Amino acid sequence: MKTEDIALFHRIVETGSILEAANLLNLPKSTVSRRLLSLEESLNIKLFHRLSRSILLTSAGSHFYEKTLVMLADLDQTLADITDNKAELTGHLRILIFPVPQIMDIVSKIFAFMDAHPKFSIEIITSTEPLDMVRNNIDIAFMVNETFTELDMVAKPVLSETMCFYASPEYLAKAGTPSCITDIEQHNSILFRFPNGKTFNEVPLANNEVQAVTGNLCTNSVQLAYEATRLGRGIGYLPQGLCNDDVTQGKLVHLFSELPAYVGVVFLVYPSRRFLNLTAARLLDYMLNEFSAQTEDTPLNKAKVWV
């Protein structure tokens, strides 16, 4: 019995499909089926009921899954302990990143880790859509607070971004400049919808306050909201780091600059260390260490963290 086949069995359980597991692992379905059958033969038990359109765990399969979760986690921890961070890291990791303005800061750190450990590969997925991390074989993710869909995730704050209101000179010339924050209710705003259905028609402000906004354009793309704001489609509530150059060049105007700024937070998220292989665990620790110095003086404690 190989630990790799036990890990493959876990992936079938978590995706609920031999085909989905094969696709995620980039293996032929026939190979996955053969290895599953070999595992069942070595155990002399039936792990799944195979139906015409689906597979279901047997009671023995369910018991084996629960017991081997702990076993594989203990094995990875043992390897981590005895190798003292010197083990050669191998395998393939999948990382989900919400398209935040600091995405290249995140990616550059991942690249540095890859350069130090050239024997493994990484797949980077950028999406505003929340994904079931276990089912989709996501090892770690970088998400903003509003995109969480699973309360059993572990989340650590790693980045922050100041959010501000912006408009183009063309929009302000046409619609007028709001003099106070409540005036924005009479203006057209670029609305942002998160994948969980939440729309920023009440945008968060500092001190746990909110402000109602309305508009005729809604998007789930930060980049599109930014471009629409630059094109004069309305007032955008955007990351300051994304707009600083436009303000300097006179392409955007920073509105309500006297208001205390709202700080949005990006979290490094992972399902649980029991789901992390050695390579993922080492990357997780590396990223947390890299970002810790960067966020020591950042007010991240305002945001909710699920642990």
C-alpha atoms as a PDB file:
ATOM      1  CA  MET A   1       0.000   0.000   0.000  1.00  0.00           C
ATOM      2  CA  LYS A   2       1.434   3.373  -1.037  1.00  0.00           C
ATOM      3  CA  THR A   3       0.788   6.641   0.773  1.00  0.00           C
ATOM      4  CA  GLU A   4       0.399   8.258  -2.664  1.00  0.00           C
ATOM      5  CA  ASP A   5      -2.582   5.994  -3.355  1.00  0.00           C
ATOM      6  CA  ILE A   6      -4.122   6.865   0.008  1.00  0.00           C
ATOM      7  CA  ALA A   7      -3.748  10.566  -0.862  1.00  0.00           C
ATOM      8  CA  LEU A   8      -5.364   9.862  -4.236  1.00  0.00           C
ATOM      9  CA  PHE A   9      -8.254   8.118  -2.439  1.00  0.00           C
ATOM     10  CA  HIS A  10      -8.696  11.266  -0.324  1.00  0.00           C
ATOM     11  CA  ARG A  11      -8.913  13.390  -3.454  1.00  0.00           C
ATOM     12  CA  ILE A  12     -11.667  11.128  -4.859  1.00  0.00           C
ATOM     13  CA  VAL A  13     -13.594  11.412  -1.595  1.00  0.00           C
ATOM     14  CA  GLU A  14     -13.243  15.189  -1.482  1.00  0.00           C
ATOM     15  CA  THR A  15     -14.247  15.765  -5.106  1.00  0.00           C
ATOM     16  CA  GLY A  16     -16.897  13.047  -5.097  1.00  0.00           C
ATOM     17  CA  SER A  17     -15.782  11.861  -8.516  1.00  0.00           C
ATOM     18  CA  ILE A  18     -13.001   9.767 -10.031  1.00  0.00           C
ATOM     19  CA  LEU A  19     -13.073  11.984 -13.137  1.00  0.00           C
ATOM     20  CA  GLU A  20     -12.825  15.239 -11.151  1.00  0.00           C
ATOM     21  CA  ALA A  21      -9.991  13.815  -9.084  1.00  0.00           C
ATOM     22  CA  ALA A  22      -8.194  12.748 -12.260  1.00  0.00           C
ATOM     23  CA  ASN A  23      -8.616  16.215 -13.778  1.00  0.00           C
ATOM     24  CA  LEU A  24      -7.313  17.967 -10.665  1.00  0.00           C
ATOM     25  CA  LEU A  25      -4.327  15.643 -10.428  1.00  0.00           C
ATOM     26  CA  ASN A  26      -3.687  15.817 -14.187  1.00  0.00           C
ATOM     27  CA  LEU A  27      -3.901  12.030 -14.499  1.00  0.00           C
ATOM     28  CA  PRO A  28      -5.840   9.793 -16.894  1.00  0.00           C
ATOM     29  CA  LYS A  29      -9.106   8.573 -15.404  1.00  0.00           C
ATOM     30  CA  SER A  30      -8.000   5.003 -16.146  1.00  0.00           C
ATOM     31  CA  THR A  31      -4.872   5.496 -14.012  1.00  0.00           C
ATOM     32  CA  VAL A  32      -6.900   6.829 -11.083  1.00  0.00           C
ATOM     33  CA  SER A  33      -9.375   3.940 -11.366  1.00  0.00           C
ATOM     34  CA  ARG A  34      -6.546   1.401 -11.525  1.00  0.00           C
ATOM     35  CA  ARG A  35      -4.778   2.810  -8.489  1.00  0.00           C
ATOM     36  CA  LEU A  36      -8.042   2.927  -6.521  1.00  0.00           C
ATOM     37  CA  LEU A  37      -8.737  -0.704  -7.382  1.00  0.00           C
ATOM     38  CA  SER A  38      -5.190  -1.647  -6.353  1.00  0.00           C
ATOM     39  CA  LEU A  39      -5.700   0.103  -2.998  1.00  0.00           C
ATOM     40  CA  GLU A  40      -8.971  -1.753  -2.421  1.00  0.00           C
ATOM     41  CA  GLU A  41      -7.313  -5.070  -3.269  1.00  0.00           C
ATOM     42  CA  SER A  42      -4.417  -4.430  -0.898  1.00  0.00           C
ATOM     43  CA  LEU A  43      -6.864  -3.577   1.885  1.00  0.00           C
ATOM     44  CA  ASN A  44      -9.254  -6.364   0.901  1.00  0.00           C
ATOM     45  CA  ILE A  45     -12.191  -3.976   1.412  1.00  0.00           C
ATOM     46  CA  LYS A  46     -14.558  -2.052  -0.867  1.00  0.00           C
ATOM     47  CA  LEU A  47     -14.063   1.683  -0.404  1.00  0.00           C
ATOM     48  CA  PHE A  48     -16.830   2.932  -2.727  1.00  0.00           C
ATOM     49  CA  HIS A  49     -20.217   1.898  -4.018  1.00  0.00           C
ATOM     50  CA  ARG A  50     -19.898   2.532  -7.753  1.00  0.00           C
ATOM     51  CA  LEU A  51     -23.197   3.743  -9.227  1.00  0.00           C
ATOM     52  CA  SER A  52     -23.978   4.573 -12.859  1.00  0.00           C
ATOM     53  CA  ARG A  53     -23.539   8.346 -12.392  1.00  0.00           C
ATOM     54  CA  SER A  54     -21.726   8.661  -9.067  1.00  0.00           C
ATOM     55  CA  ILE A  55     -19.732   6.940  -6.365  1.00  0.00           C
ATOM     56  CA  LEU A  56     -20.529   6.741  -2.656  1.00  0.00           C
ATOM     57  CA  LEU A  57     -18.289   5.849   0.250  1.00  0.00           C
ATOM     58  CA  THR A  58     -18.941   2.548   1.932  1.00  0.00           C
ATOM     59  CA  SER A  59     -18.966   2.495   5.735  1.00  0.00           C
ATOM     60  CA  ALA A  60     -15.499   0.913   5.622  1.00  0.00           C
ATOM     61  CA  GLY A  61     -14.359   3.597   3.164  1.00  0.00           C
ATOM     62  CA  SER A  62     -15.638   6.360   5.428  1.00  0.00           C
ATOM     63  CA  HIS A  63     -13.838   4.874   8.409  1.00  0.00           C
ATOM     64  CA  PHE A  64     -10.621   4.460   6.389  1.00  0.00           C
ATOM     65  CA  TYR A  65     -10.832   8.083   5.212  1.00  0.00           C
ATOM     66  CA  GLU A  66     -11.181   9.508   8.734  1.00  0.00           C
ATOM     67  CA  LYS A  67      -8.362   7.376  10.135  1.00  0.00           C
ATOM     68  CA  THR A  68      -5.931   8.027   7.283  1.00  0.00           C
ATOM     69  CA  LEU A  69      -6.487  11.799   7.405  1.00  0.00           C
ATOM     70  CA  VAL A  70      -4.798  11.773  10.787  1.00  0.00           C
ATOM     71  CA  MET A  71      -2.206   9.264   9.602  1.00  0.00           C
ATOM     72  CA  LEU A  72      -1.092  11.326   6.593  1.00  0.00           C
ATOM     73  CA  ALA A  73      -1.051  14.523   8.634  1.00  0.00           C
ATOM     74  CA  ASP A  74       1.118  12.824  11.270  1.00  0.00           C
ATOM     75  CA  LEU A  75       3.424  11.490   8.555  1.00  0.00           C
ATOM     76  CA  ASP A  76       3.914  14.927   7.038  1.00  0.00           C
ATOM     77  CA  GLN A  77       4.533  16.430  10.476  1.00  0.00           C
ATOM     78  CA  THR A  78       7.061  13.705  11.267  1.00  0.00           C
ATOM     79  CA  LEU A  79       8.889  14.401   8.003  1.00  0.00           C
ATOM     80  CA  ALA A  80       8.898  18.090   8.807  1.00  0.00           C
ATOM     81  CA  ASP A  81      10.305  17.437  12.289  1.00  0.00           C
ATOM     82  CA  ILE A  82      13.089  15.035  11.314  1.00  0.00           C
ATOM     83  CA  THR A  83      14.259  16.895   8.218  1.00  0.00           C
ATOM     84  CA  ASP A  84      14.588  20.226  10.040  1.00  0.00           C
ATOM     85  CA  ASN A  85      13.493  22.164   6.942  1.00  0.00           C
ATOM     86  CA  LYS A  86      16.115  20.423   4.758  1.00  0.00           C
ATOM     87  CA  ALA A  87      13.859  17.950   2.945  1.00  0.00           C
ATOM     88  CA  GLU A  88      13.606  18.323  -0.811  1.00  0.00           C
ATOM     89  CA  LEU A  89      10.139  19.645  -1.591  1.00  0.00           C
ATOM     90  CA  THR A  90       8.283  17.969  -4.443  1.00  0.00           C
ATOM     91  CA  GLY A  91       4.785  17.682  -5.863  1.00  0.00           C
ATOM     92  CA  HIS A  92       2.309  20.187  -7.275  1.00  0.00           C
ATOM     93  CA  LEU A  93       0.516  22.987  -5.393  1.00  0.00           C
ATOM     94  CA  ARG A  94      -2.592  24.958  -6.373  1.00  0.00           C
ATOM     95  CA  ILE A  95      -2.880  28.522  -5.071  1.00  0.00           C
ATOM     96  CA  LEU A  96      -5.969  30.724  -5.363  1.00  0.00           C
ATOM     97  CA  ILE A  97      -5.470  34.510  -5.353  1.00  0.00           C
ATOM     98  CA  PHE A  98      -8.206  37.140  -5.292  1.00  0.00           C
ATOM     99  CA  PRO A  99      -7.069  39.756  -7.866  1.00  0.00           C
ATOM    100  CA  VAL A 100      -5.942  42.383  -5.367  1.00  0.00           C
ATOM    101  CA  PRO A 101      -3.658  45.285  -6.374  1.00  0.00           C
ATOM    102  CA  GLN A 102      -0.746  43.648  -4.506  1.00  0.00           C
ATOM    103  CA  ILE A 103      -1.036  40.433  -6.509  1.00  0.00           C
ATOM    104  CA  MET A 104       2.496  40.748  -7.905  1.00  0.00           C
ATOM    105  CA  ASP A 105       3.847  41.221  -4.386  1.00  0.00           C
ATOM    106  CA  ILE A 106       2.261  37.880  -3.481  1.00  0.00           C
ATOM    107  CA  VAL A 107       3.452  36.217  -6.684  1.00  0.00           C
ATOM    108  CA  SER A 108       7.030  37.490  -6.329  1.00  0.00           C
ATOM    109  CA  LYS A 109       7.264  35.812  -2.920  1.00  0.00           C
ATOM    110  CA  ILE A 110       5.905  32.574  -4.389  1.00  0.00           C
ATOM    111  CA  PHE A 111       8.503  32.784  -7.180  1.00  0.00           C
ATOM    112  CA  ALA A 112      11.295  33.257  -4.626  1.00  0.00           C
ATOM    113  CA  PHE A 113      10.129  30.116  -2.793  1.00  0.00           C
ATOM    114  CA  MET A 114      10.040  28.213  -6.089  1.00  0.00           C
ATOM    115  CA  ASP A 115      13.607  29.288  -6.866  1.00  0.00           C
ATOM    116  CA  ALA A 116      14.744  27.937  -3.499  1.00  0.00           C
ATOM    117  CA  HIS A 117      12.890  24.630  -4.071  1.00  0.00           C
ATOM    118  CA  PRO A 118      12.996  23.854  -7.814  1.00  0.00           C
ATOM    119  CA  LYS A 119      11.691  20.270  -7.599  1.00  0.00           C
ATOM    120  CA  PHE A 120       7.994  21.139  -7.226  1.00  0.00           C
ATOM    121  CA  SER A 121       5.498  22.954  -9.445  1.00  0.00           C
ATOM    122  CA  ILE A 122       2.780  25.520  -8.737  1.00  0.00           C
ATOM    123  CA  GLU A 123      -0.506  26.438 -10.391  1.00  0.00           C
ATOM    124  CA  ILE A 124      -1.751  29.967  -9.643  1.00  0.00           C
ATOM    125  CA  ILE A 125      -5.481  30.626 -10.082  1.00  0.00           C
ATOM    126  CA  THR A 126      -6.782  34.207  -9.974  1.00  0.00           C
ATOM    127  CA  SER A 127     -10.502  34.518  -9.351  1.00  0.00           C
ATOM    128  CA  THR A 128     -13.098  36.502  -7.440  1.00  0.00           C
ATOM    129  CA  GLU A 129     -15.167  33.315  -7.226  1.00  0.00           C
ATOM    130  CA  PRO A 130     -14.975  31.492  -3.881  1.00  0.00           C
ATOM    131  CA  LEU A 131     -13.968  27.859  -4.320  1.00  0.00           C
ATOM    132  CA  ASP A 132     -14.340  24.937  -1.935  1.00  0.00           C
ATOM    133  CA  MET A 133     -10.649  24.547  -1.149  1.00  0.00           C
ATOM    134  CA  VAL A 134     -10.741  20.851  -0.276  1.00  0.00           C
ATOM    135  CA  ARG A 135     -12.997  19.828  -3.154  1.00  0.00           C
ATOM    136  CA  ASN A 136     -10.970  21.856  -5.679  1.00  0.00           C
ATOM    137  CA  ASN A 137      -7.604  20.776  -4.333  1.00  0.00           C
ATOM    138  CA  ILE A 138      -6.608  24.333  -3.387  1.00  0.00           C
ATOM    139  CA  ASP A 139      -3.675  24.222  -0.993  1.00  0.00           C
ATOM    140  CA  ILE A 140      -3.637  27.857   0.109  1.00  0.00           C
ATOM    141  CA  ALA A 141      -5.515  30.989  -0.964  1.00  0.00           C
ATOM    142  CA  PHE A 142      -5.308  34.760  -0.648  1.00  0.00           C
ATOM    143  CA  MET A 143      -8.813  36.150  -0.122  1.00  0.00           C
ATOM    144  CA  VAL A 144     -10.542  39.306   1.051  1.00  0.00           C
ATOM    145  CA  ASN A 145     -12.907  39.020   3.988  1.00  0.00           C
ATOM    146  CA  GLU A 146     -16.132  39.247   1.981  1.00  0.00           C
ATOM    147  CA  THR A 147     -15.287  36.229  -0.195  1.00  0.00           C
ATOM    148  CA  PHE A 148     -15.179  33.636   2.562  1.00  0.00           C
ATOM    149  CA  THR A 149     -17.756  30.888   2.153  1.00  0.00           C
ATOM    150  CA  GLU A 150     -16.388  28.260   4.526  1.00  0.00           C
ATOM    151  CA  LEU A 151     -16.302  28.926   8.251  1.00  0.00           C
ATOM    152  CA  ASP A 152     -13.905  26.040   8.967  1.00  0.00           C
ATOM    153  CA  MET A 153     -11.039  27.774   7.183  1.00  0.00           C
ATOM    154  CA  VAL A 154      -7.983  29.105   9.007  1.00  0.00           C
ATOM    155  CA  ALA A 155      -7.304  32.709   7.962  1.00  0.00           C
ATOM    156  CA  LYS A 156      -4.345  34.935   8.774  1.00  0.00           C
ATOM    157  CA  PRO A 157      -4.203  38.639   7.813  1.00  0.00           C
ATOM    158  CA  VAL A 158      -1.206  39.373   5.575  1.00  0.00           C
ATOM    159  CA  LEU A 159      -1.935  42.517   3.555  1.00  0.00           C
ATOM    160  CA  SER A 160      -4.029  45.641   3.877  1.00  0.00           C
ATOM    161  CA  GLU A 161      -5.300  48.231   1.422  1.00  0.00           C
ATOM    162  CA  THR A 162      -6.833  51.643   2.064  1.00  0.00           C
ATOM    163  CA  MET A 163     -10.144  52.118   0.244  1.00  0.00           C
ATOM    164  CA  CYS A 164     -11.148  55.587  -1.003  1.00  0.00           C
ATOM    165  CA  PHE A 165     -13.704  57.274  -3.245  1.00  0.00           C
ATOM    166  CA  TYR A 166     -12.531  58.450  -6.673  1.00  0.00           C
ATOM    167  CA  ALA A 167     -14.056  60.115  -9.718  1.00  0.00           C
ATOM    168  CA  SER A 168     -12.745  61.388 -13.021  1.00  0.00           C
ATOM    169  CA  PRO A 169     -12.613  65.147 -13.728  1.00  0.00           C
ATOM    170  CA  GLU A 170     -15.024  64.493 -16.634  1.00  0.00           C
ATOM    171  CA  TYR A 171     -17.619  62.904 -14.351  1.00  0.00           C
ATOM    172  CA  LEU A 172     -17.338  65.719 -11.801  1.00  0.00           C
ATOM    173  CA  ALA A 173     -17.667  68.378 -14.502  1.00  0.00           C
ATOM    174  CA  LYS A 174     -20.896  66.732 -15.647  1.00  0.00           C
ATOM    175  CA  ALA A 175     -22.446  65.668 -12.309  1.00  0.00           C
ATOM    176  CA  GLY A 176     -20.882  68.094  -9.844  1.00  0.00           C
ATOM    177  CA  THR A 177     -18.538  67.393  -6.938  1.00  0.00           C
ATOM    178  CA  PRO A 178     -20.106  65.986  -3.752  1.00  0.00           C
ATOM    179  CA  SER A 179     -19.135  68.182  -0.811  1.00  0.00           C
ATOM    180  CA  CYS A 180     -19.837  65.663   1.966  1.00  0.00           C
ATOM    181  CA  ILE A 181     -20.112  61.894   2.137  1.00  0.00           C
ATOM    182  CA  THR A 182     -23.923  61.819   2.236  1.00  0.00           C
ATOM    183  CA  ASP A 183     -24.043  63.726  -1.071  1.00  0.00           C
ATOM    184  CA  ILE A 184     -22.791  60.557  -2.768  1.00  0.00           C
ATOM    185  CA  GLU A 185     -26.296  59.091  -2.509  1.00  0.00           C
ATOM    186  CA  GLN A 186     -27.334  61.548  -5.247  1.00  0.00           C
ATOM    187  CA  HIS A 187     -24.511  60.399  -7.548  1.00  0.00           C
ATOM    188  CA  ASN A 188     -23.925  57.409  -9.787  1.00  0.00           C
ATOM    189  CA  SER A 189     -21.497  54.977  -8.160  1.00  0.00           C
ATOM    190  CA  ILE A 190     -19.730  51.958  -9.604  1.00  0.00           C
ATOM    191  CA  LEU A 191     -21.055  49.033  -7.562  1.00  0.00           C
ATOM    192  CA  PHE A 192     -19.037  45.918  -6.771  1.00  0.00           C
ATOM    193  CA  ARG A 193     -20.616  42.507  -6.305  1.00  0.00           C
ATOM    194  CA  PHE A 194     -18.809  39.715  -4.514  1.00  0.00           C
ATOM    195  CA  PRO A 195     -19.367  36.136  -5.668  1.00  0.00           C
ATOM    196  CA  ASN A 196     -21.348  35.324  -2.528  1.00  0.00           C
ATOM    197  CA  GLY A 197     -24.017  37.739  -3.769  1.00  0.00           C
ATOM    198  CA  LYS A 198     -23.111  40.627  -1.480  1.00  0.00           C
ATOM    199  CA  THR A 199     -23.126  43.968  -3.285  1.00  0.00           C
ATOM    200  CA  PHE A 200     -21.316  47.040  -2.057  1.00  0.00           C
ATOM    201  CA  ASN A 201     -24.497  49.162  -2.132  1.00  0.00           C
ATOM    202  CA  GLU A 202     -23.500  50.012   1.419  1.00  0.00           C
ATOM    203  CA  VAL A 203     -19.763  50.562   1.418  1.00  0.00           C
ATOM    204  CA  PRO A 204     -17.799  50.121   4.650  1.00  0.00           C
ATOM    205  CA  LEU A 205     -16.223  53.209   6.178  1.00  0.00           C
ATOM    206  CA  ALA A 206     -13.872  53.613   9.116  1.00  0.00           C
ATOM    207  CA  ASN A 207     -15.198  53.175  12.667  1.00  0.00           C
ATOM    208  CA  ASN A 208     -17.639  50.449  11.586  1.00  0.00           C
ATOM    209  CA  GLU A 209     -19.827  52.925   9.693  1.00  0.00           C
ATOM    210  CA  VAL A 210     -21.376  52.350   6.272  1.00  0.00           C
ATOM    211  CA  GLN A 211     -22.536  54.625   3.476  1.00  0.00           C
ATOM    212  CA  ALA A 212     -25.334  53.853   1.020  1.00  0.00           C
ATOM    213  CA  VAL A 213     -24.480  54.173  -2.669  1.00  0.00           C
ATOM    214  CA  THR A 214     -26.476  53.609  -5.853  1.00  0.00           C
ATOM    215  CA  GLY A 215     -25.508  53.191  -9.476  1.00  0.00           C
ATOM    216  CA  ASN A 216     -26.342  51.786 -12.891  1.00  0.00           C
ATOM    217  CA  LEU A 217     -23.197  49.657 -13.278  1.00  0.00           C
ATOM    218  CA  CYS A 218     -22.246  46.680 -11.126  1.00  0.00           C
ATOM    219  CA  THR A 219     -19.240  44.391 -11.611  1.00  0.00           C
ATOM    220  CA  ASN A 220     -17.268  41.712  -9.789  1.00  0.00           C
ATOM    221  CA  SER A 221     -13.968  42.933 -11.263  1.00  0.00           C
ATOM    222  CA  VAL A 222     -11.809  45.424  -9.369  1.00  0.00           C
ATOM    223  CA  GLN A 223      -9.985  46.220 -12.604  1.00  0.00           C
ATOM    224  CA  LEU A 224     -13.224  46.908 -14.473  1.00  0.00           C
ATOM    225  CA  ALA A 225     -14.529  49.111 -11.642  1.00  0.00           C
ATOM    226  CA  TYR A 226     -11.272  51.052 -11.817  1.00  0.00           C
ATOM    227  CA  GLU A 227     -11.430  51.454 -15.612  1.00  0.00           C
ATOM    228  CA  ALA A 228     -15.102  52.479 -15.483  1.00  0.00           C
ATOM    229  CA  THR A 229     -14.243  55.139 -12.903  1.00  0.00           C
ATOM    230  CA  ARG A 230     -11.425  56.467 -15.107  1.00  0.00           C
ATOM    231  CA  LEU A 231     -13.851  56.608 -18.046  1.00  0.00           C
ATOM    232  CA  GLY A 232     -16.271  58.807 -16.117  1.00  0.00           C
ATOM    233  CA  ARG A 233     -19.019  56.204 -15.580  1.00  0.00           C
ATOM    234  CA  GLY A 234     -19.408  57.134 -11.921  1.00  0.00           C
ATOM    235  CA  ILE A 235     -17.740  57.325  -8.525  1.00  0.00           C
ATOM    236  CA  GLY A 236     -15.600  54.319  -7.644  1.00  0.00           C
ATOM    237  CA  TYR A 237     -14.700  52.965  -4.218  1.00  0.00           C
ATOM    238  CA  LEU A 238     -11.238  51.663  -5.010  1.00  0.00           C
ATOM    239  CA  PRO A 239      -7.913  50.623  -3.476  1.00  0.00           C
ATOM    240  CA  GLN A 240      -5.730  53.691  -2.948  1.00  0.00           C
ATOM    241  CA  GLY A 241      -2.650  51.910  -4.264  1.00  0.00           C
ATOM    242  CA  LEU A 242      -4.405  51.348  -7.566  1.00  0.00           C
ATOM    243  CA  CYS A 243      -5.278  55.026  -8.022  1.00  0.00           C
ATOM    244  CA  ASN A 244      -2.336  57.027  -6.662  1.00  0.00           C
ATOM    245  CA  ASP A 245      -0.679  57.518 -10.050  1.00  0.00           C
ATOM    246  CA  ASP A 246      -3.968  58.609 -11.656  1.00  0.00           C
ATOM    247  CA  VAL A 247      -4.491  61.214  -8.920  1.00  0.00           C
ATOM    248  CA  THR A 248      -0.945  62.535  -9.418  1.00  0.00           C
ATOM    249  CA  GLN A 249      -1.523  62.738 -13.192  1.00  0.00           C
ATOM    250  CA  GLY A 250      -4.911  64.445 -12.796  1.00  0.00           C
ATOM    251  CA  LYS A 251      -6.854  61.509 -14.290  1.00  0.00           C
ATOM    252  CA  LEU A 252      -8.759  60.859 -11.046  1.00  0.00           C
ATOM    253  CA  VAL A 253      -9.812  63.005  -8.110  1.00  0.00           C
ATOM    254  CA  HIS A 254      -9.650  61.658  -4.546  1.00  0.00           C
ATOM    255  CA  LEU A 255     -12.970  62.546  -2.895  1.00  0.00           C
ATOM    256  CA  PHE A 256     -13.642  63.033   0.840  1.00  0.00           C
ATOM    257  CA  SER A 257      -9.939  62.965   1.673  1.00  0.00           C
ATOM    258  CA  GLU A 258     -10.722  64.375   5.107  1.00  0.00           C
ATOM    259  CA  LEU A 259     -12.545  61.181   6.110  1.00  0.00           C
ATOM    260  CA  PRO A 260     -10.733  58.500   8.165  1.00  0.00           C
ATOM    261  CA  ALA A 261      -9.773  55.748   5.739  1.00  0.00           C
ATOM    262  CA  TYR A 262     -11.290  52.272   5.717  1.00  0.00           C
ATOM    263  CA  VAL A 263      -8.626  49.549   5.622  1.00  0.00           C
ATOM    264  CA  GLY A 264      -9.503  46.352   3.751  1.00  0.00           C
ATOM    265  CA  VAL A 265      -7.615  43.186   4.599  1.00  0.00           C
ATOM    266  CA  VAL A 266      -6.293  40.291   2.524  1.00  0.00           C
ATOM    267  CA  PHE A 267      -6.042  36.939   4.311  1.00  0.00           C
ATOM    268  CA  LEU A 268      -3.870  33.917   3.696  1.00  0.00           C
ATOM    269  CA  VAL A 269      -6.366  31.063   3.971  1.00  0.00           C
ATOM    270  CA  TYR A 270      -5.940  27.301   4.266  1.00  0.00           C
ATOM    271  CA  PRO A 271      -8.380  24.509   5.173  1.00  0.00           C
ATOM    272  CA  SER A 272      -6.445  23.023   8.092  1.00  0.00           C
ATOM    273  CA  ARG A 273      -2.895  21.817   8.602  1.00  0.00           C
ATOM    274  CA  ARG A 274      -4.208  18.262   8.538  1.00  0.00           C
ATOM    275  CA  PHE A 275      -4.956  18.779   4.819  1.00  0.00           C
ATOM    276  CA  LEU A 276      -1.520  20.262   4.037  1.00  0.00           C
ATOM    277  CA  ASN A 277       1.288  18.160   2.626  1.00  0.00           C
ATOM    278  CA  LEU A 278       4.881  18.982   3.565  1.00  0.00           C
ATOM    279  CA  THR A 279       5.448  21.282   0.578  1.00  0.00           C
ATOM    280  CA  ALA A 280       2.237  23.253   1.190  1.00  0.00           C
ATOM    281  CA  ALA A 281       3.006  23.567   4.897  1.00  0.00           C
ATOM    282  CA  ARG A 282       6.505  24.889   4.155  1.00  0.00           C
ATOM    283  CA  LEU A 283       5.156  27.406   1.630  1.00  0.00           C
ATOM    284  CA  LEU A 284       2.498  28.500   4.117  1.00  0.00           C
ATOM    285  CA  ASP A 285       5.099  29.105   6.832  1.00  0.00           C
ATOM    286  CA  TYR A 286       7.341  30.920   4.348  1.00  0.00           C
ATOM    287  CA  MET A 287       4.560  33.256   3.202  1.00  0.00           C
ATOM    288  CA  LEU A 288       3.429  34.018   6.743  1.00  0.00           C
ATOM    289  CA  ASN A 289       7.006  34.808   7.728  1.00  0.00           C
ATOM    290  CA  GLU A 290       7.548  37.007   4.654  1.00  0.00           C
ATOM    291  CA  PHE A 291       4.398  39.015   5.258  1.00  0.00           C
ATOM    292  CA  SER A 292       4.770  39.300   9.035  1.00  0.00           C
ATOM    293  CA  ALA A 293       7.460  41.973   8.809  1.00  0.00           C
ATOM    294  CA  GLN A 294       5.395  43.781   6.178  1.00  0.00           C
ATOM    295  CA  THR A 295       2.290  43.997   8.386  1.00  0.00           C
ATOM    296  CA  GLU A 296       3.779  44.576  11.848  1.00  0.00           C
ATOM    297  CA  ASP A 297       2.613  48.200  11.904  1.00  0.00           C
ATOM    298  CA  THR A 298      -0.577  47.725   9.888  1.00  0.00           C
ATOM    299  CA  PRO A 299      -3.969  47.947  11.700  1.00  0.00           C
ATOM    300  CA  LEU A 300      -5.151  44.496  10.617  1.00  0.00           C
ATOM    301  CA  ASN A 301      -6.888  43.785  13.914  1.00  0.00           C
ATOM    302  CA  LYS A 302     -10.006  45.636  12.747  1.00  0.00           C
ATOM    303  CA  ALA A 303     -10.978  42.777  10.466  1.00  0.00           C
ATOM    304  CA  LYS A 304     -12.677  39.529  11.398  1.00  0.00           C
ATOM    305  CA  VAL A 305     -10.404  36.489  11.362  1.00  0.00           C
ATOM    306  CA  TRP A 306     -11.765  32.949  11.394  1.00  0.00           C
ATOM    307  CA  VAL A 307      -9.500  30.497  13.198  1.00  0.00           C
END
